[in-house]
Protein backbone atom coordinates (compact mmCIF):
# COMPACT_ATOMS: atom_id res chain seq x y z
CA UNK A 1 -1.58 56.77 53.65
CA UNK A 2 -4.72 55.76 51.41
CA UNK A 3 -3.90 52.65 49.20
CA UNK A 4 -4.94 54.08 46.08
CA UNK A 5 -4.53 50.64 44.09
CA UNK A 6 -7.49 49.01 45.91
CA UNK A 7 -10.02 52.21 44.14
CA UNK A 8 -8.29 51.65 40.55
CA UNK A 9 -9.75 48.84 38.39
CA UNK A 10 -6.65 47.98 35.97
CA UNK A 11 -7.07 48.02 32.48
CA UNK A 12 -5.50 45.71 30.59
CA UNK A 13 -2.57 47.02 28.24
CA UNK A 14 -2.86 45.07 25.08
CA UNK A 15 0.44 44.47 24.67
CA UNK A 16 0.58 42.27 27.25
CA UNK A 17 -0.53 38.69 27.64
CA UNK A 18 -3.56 37.51 30.40
CA UNK A 19 -0.43 36.13 32.63
CA UNK A 20 1.52 39.25 32.20
CA UNK A 21 -1.52 41.30 33.23
CA UNK A 22 -1.98 39.13 35.90
CA UNK A 23 1.59 39.53 37.53
CA UNK A 24 0.96 43.25 37.69
CA UNK A 25 -2.24 42.92 39.21
CA UNK A 26 -0.88 40.49 42.51
CA UNK A 27 2.03 42.77 42.30
CA UNK A 28 0.45 46.44 42.84
CA UNK A 29 -3.50 45.12 44.69
CA UNK A 30 -5.54 46.64 42.37
CA UNK A 31 -8.90 46.37 43.22
CA UNK A 32 -10.03 44.69 40.15
CA UNK A 33 -9.25 43.31 36.70
CA UNK A 34 -11.46 42.38 33.48
CA UNK A 35 -11.07 38.71 32.48
CA UNK A 36 -13.56 38.52 28.62
CA UNK A 37 -13.79 35.02 28.44
CA UNK A 38 -14.70 32.11 30.63
CA UNK A 39 -11.04 30.65 29.77
CA UNK A 40 -9.43 34.21 31.39
CA UNK A 41 -12.30 33.90 34.18
CA UNK A 42 -11.42 29.98 35.30
CA UNK A 43 -7.55 31.30 34.59
CA UNK A 44 -7.86 34.13 36.90
CA UNK A 45 -9.45 32.77 39.58
CA UNK A 46 -6.47 30.83 40.35
CA UNK A 47 -3.32 33.00 39.68
CA UNK A 48 -4.90 35.96 41.70
CA UNK A 49 -4.69 37.38 44.76
CA UNK A 50 -8.45 36.60 46.71
CA UNK A 51 -8.86 40.00 47.17
CA UNK A 52 -8.65 41.08 43.12
CA UNK A 53 -12.07 41.31 41.79
CA UNK A 54 -12.29 39.71 38.64
CA UNK A 55 -15.05 41.79 36.80
CA UNK A 56 -16.81 41.11 33.01
CA UNK A 57 -17.89 43.66 30.45
CA UNK A 58 -21.06 42.99 28.21
CA UNK A 59 -22.33 45.25 25.59
CA UNK A 60 -18.38 46.77 25.73
CA UNK A 61 -17.91 49.53 23.93
CA UNK A 62 -20.69 49.74 21.64
CA UNK A 63 -23.63 49.42 23.55
CA UNK A 64 -25.35 48.15 20.67
CA UNK A 65 -27.29 44.91 22.00
CA UNK A 66 -31.19 44.41 22.56
CA UNK A 67 -32.12 44.21 26.33
CA UNK A 68 -32.86 40.31 25.84
CA UNK A 69 -29.63 39.74 24.16
CA UNK A 70 -28.06 41.77 27.22
CA UNK A 71 -30.06 40.16 29.81
CA UNK A 72 -28.71 36.65 28.01
CA UNK A 73 -25.43 37.51 28.28
CA UNK A 74 -25.61 38.67 31.81
CA UNK A 75 -26.81 34.91 32.99
CA UNK A 76 -24.09 33.66 31.01
CA UNK A 77 -21.51 35.72 32.67
CA UNK A 78 -22.93 34.50 35.82
CA UNK A 79 -23.46 30.73 35.57
CA UNK A 80 -19.41 31.67 34.71
CA UNK A 81 -19.25 33.48 37.76
CA UNK A 82 -18.63 36.72 37.45
CA UNK A 83 -19.87 39.12 40.42
CA UNK A 84 -19.03 41.98 38.76
CA UNK A 85 -19.66 43.46 35.62
CA UNK A 86 -19.02 46.62 33.41
CA UNK A 87 -21.69 47.38 30.76
CA UNK A 88 -22.46 50.08 28.63
CA UNK A 89 -26.39 51.38 28.20
CA UNK A 90 -27.97 51.44 24.87
CA UNK A 91 -26.58 54.30 23.50
CA UNK A 92 -28.90 54.61 21.20
CA UNK A 93 -31.27 55.02 23.45
CA UNK A 94 -28.71 57.87 25.34
CA UNK A 95 -28.01 59.16 22.07
CA UNK A 96 -31.70 60.07 21.78
CA UNK A 97 -32.44 60.81 25.26
CA UNK A 98 -34.87 57.99 25.96
CA UNK A 99 -35.43 58.34 28.95
CA UNK A 100 -38.30 55.46 29.12
CA UNK A 101 -35.80 52.62 27.45
CA UNK A 102 -33.16 53.63 29.56
CA UNK A 103 -35.07 53.28 32.54
CA UNK A 104 -36.38 49.89 31.34
CA UNK A 105 -33.05 48.57 30.70
CA UNK A 106 -31.52 49.88 33.34
CA UNK A 107 -34.41 48.03 36.11
CA UNK A 108 -34.25 44.77 34.05
CA UNK A 109 -30.43 44.29 34.37
CA UNK A 110 -30.62 45.60 38.03
CA UNK A 111 -32.85 42.65 38.35
CA UNK A 112 -31.03 40.01 37.04
CA UNK A 113 -28.52 41.27 38.95
CA UNK A 114 -30.05 40.75 42.47
CA UNK A 115 -30.26 37.52 41.75
CA UNK A 116 -27.35 36.57 40.71
CA UNK A 117 -25.26 38.50 43.79
CA UNK A 118 -23.52 40.94 40.80
CA UNK A 119 -22.56 44.29 41.12
CA UNK A 120 -23.03 46.14 37.94
CA UNK A 121 -21.58 49.28 36.81
CA UNK A 122 -24.09 51.32 34.11
CA UNK A 123 -21.64 52.79 31.53
CA UNK A 124 -23.81 56.14 30.41
CA UNK A 125 -21.14 57.20 28.25
CA UNK A 126 -21.51 60.70 28.85
CA UNK A 127 -19.70 62.41 26.14
CA UNK A 128 -22.88 62.07 24.13
CA UNK A 129 -24.18 64.38 25.74
CA UNK A 130 -22.55 67.15 25.39
CA UNK A 131 -24.14 70.23 26.41
CA UNK A 132 -27.46 67.94 27.53
CA UNK A 133 -27.05 68.66 31.23
CA UNK A 134 -31.11 67.79 31.88
CA UNK A 135 -30.26 64.25 30.18
CA UNK A 136 -27.19 63.54 32.60
CA UNK A 137 -29.18 64.82 35.39
CA UNK A 138 -32.39 62.24 34.25
CA UNK A 139 -30.30 59.27 33.91
CA UNK A 140 -28.94 60.29 37.58
CA UNK A 141 -32.81 59.81 39.01
CA UNK A 142 -33.18 56.89 36.85
CA UNK A 143 -30.32 55.45 39.26
CA UNK A 144 -31.51 57.05 42.22
CA UNK A 145 -34.99 54.94 41.80
CA UNK A 146 -33.30 51.77 40.32
CA UNK A 147 -30.50 51.58 42.89
CA UNK A 148 -27.28 49.94 40.76
CA UNK A 149 -23.95 49.62 42.24
CA UNK A 150 -22.05 52.01 40.22
CA UNK A 151 -22.90 54.45 37.36
CA UNK A 152 -19.65 54.92 35.53
CA UNK A 153 -19.15 57.99 33.01
CA UNK A 154 -17.67 56.21 29.97
CA UNK A 155 -16.32 53.42 27.93
CA UNK A 156 -12.91 55.61 27.36
CA UNK A 157 -12.94 54.30 24.28
CA UNK A 158 -15.33 57.34 22.75
CA UNK A 159 -14.20 60.36 21.32
CA UNK A 160 -13.72 61.88 25.18
CA UNK A 161 -13.27 59.99 28.72
CA UNK A 162 -14.21 60.89 31.74
CA UNK A 163 -14.94 64.79 32.88
CA UNK A 164 -14.82 66.46 36.19
CA UNK A 165 -17.98 68.44 35.42
CA UNK A 166 -19.89 65.33 34.66
CA UNK A 167 -18.31 63.79 38.16
CA UNK A 168 -19.57 66.64 39.85
CA UNK A 169 -22.58 66.69 38.65
CA UNK A 170 -23.27 62.60 39.10
CA UNK A 171 -21.81 63.54 43.09
CA UNK A 172 -24.57 65.95 43.54
CA UNK A 173 -27.73 64.04 42.52
CA UNK A 174 -26.77 60.24 43.48
CA UNK A 175 -27.66 59.35 47.03
CA UNK A 176 -24.70 57.97 48.40
CA UNK A 177 -25.26 54.17 48.80
CA UNK A 178 -24.65 54.72 44.74
CA UNK A 179 -21.13 54.28 43.71
CA UNK A 180 -19.28 56.47 40.62
CA UNK A 181 -16.64 55.03 38.34
CA UNK A 182 -14.99 57.96 36.25
CA UNK A 183 -12.50 55.65 33.19
CA UNK A 184 -11.29 57.22 30.05
CA UNK A 185 -8.21 59.78 30.03
CA UNK A 186 -6.91 59.18 33.40
CA UNK A 187 -3.18 58.96 33.49
CA UNK A 188 -2.16 60.21 35.92
CA UNK A 189 -1.49 60.32 40.15
CA UNK A 190 -2.58 64.25 39.54
CA UNK A 191 -5.72 63.28 37.79
CA UNK A 192 -7.01 60.75 39.62
CA UNK A 193 -6.59 63.13 42.86
CA UNK A 194 -8.78 65.62 41.19
CA UNK A 195 -11.25 62.79 40.37
CA UNK A 196 -11.47 61.28 43.73
CA UNK A 197 -12.14 64.97 45.10
CA UNK A 198 -15.00 65.47 42.54
CA UNK A 199 -16.78 62.53 43.93
CA UNK A 200 -15.46 59.45 41.70
CA UNK A 201 -14.98 56.48 44.15
CA UNK A 202 -13.45 54.25 41.75
CA UNK A 203 -11.33 54.92 38.57
CA UNK A 204 -10.79 52.54 35.35
CA UNK A 205 -7.13 53.23 34.01
CA UNK A 206 -4.66 51.32 31.25
CA UNK A 207 -2.52 53.69 32.92
CA UNK A 208 -3.15 52.47 37.06
CA UNK A 209 0.28 51.16 37.45
CA UNK A 210 2.15 54.85 36.67
CA UNK A 211 -1.08 56.01 39.06
CA UNK A 212 0.46 54.34 41.75
CA UNK A 213 4.09 54.75 41.51
CA UNK A 214 3.55 58.45 41.42
CA UNK A 215 1.31 58.52 44.16
CA UNK A 216 4.61 56.64 46.16
CA UNK A 217 6.72 59.46 45.10
CA UNK A 218 4.53 61.84 46.52
CA UNK A 219 4.33 59.84 49.65
CA UNK A 220 7.73 60.06 49.58
CA UNK A 221 8.51 63.45 48.82
CA UNK A 222 5.51 64.04 51.81
CA UNK A 223 7.73 62.40 54.20
CA UNK A 224 11.20 63.62 53.45
CA UNK A 225 9.61 67.72 52.93
CA UNK A 226 8.06 66.83 56.85
CA UNK A 227 11.43 65.68 58.12
CA UNK A 228 13.80 68.57 56.92
CA UNK A 229 10.59 70.58 58.06
CA UNK A 230 10.96 69.16 61.92
CA UNK A 231 14.32 69.27 61.38
CA UNK A 232 14.34 73.04 60.83
CA UNK A 233 12.27 73.72 64.17
CA UNK A 234 14.13 72.19 65.99
CA UNK A 235 12.47 68.56 66.69
CA UNK A 236 14.20 65.84 67.70
CA UNK A 237 13.35 62.73 65.13
CA UNK A 238 15.96 60.26 66.68
CA UNK A 239 14.19 59.08 70.35
CA UNK A 240 16.15 58.90 73.39
CA UNK A 241 17.17 55.39 74.17
């Protein structure tokens, strides 16, 4: 059975304190959680299971920092100890299709990440490029040249979240060594399954627990259905002694 929890980046419920958030992450074994401050990061290092990644987020969700400000933030987070960071591309450049500026930013951040051993997730905010697939394709081509760890659809904080067609477009263009993260509006196992089948490697979701619980129920129903079918077909499911 696929451990779907290891393909989910768990977004904190605003009603949960940080300890509760980490307790839930440990219980379900999610791929990663997000620590917003140095204090949260240091607490998570001691409280989390070793196989759960502690990720950070930079210029999230606005995407308004200058490149210099963003680079300085990455250096600051690297010194704290972060090994995975989601960051939002400059949204003025994205909305205006300024490909030169996008490539400059992506390349500069990638150099910093390579230096400090950080896996970066580049957030495009694809919803702002509705009807402009040519720009989406060019951003994917830039990613192929720069080779970030992930290209990510969206923050989930804009007017639309992840879209299956965007994930399919990304999958068709991106090199195999660039992972795809879909985020925003994915709340059910059925939705998550469609995104994985369309090419997403990882999903970011505040409904991660619901997705895992639904996947468990589906597997349980599948197993019960299989037992009934085999029984009807005369298959002896009880081992002979």
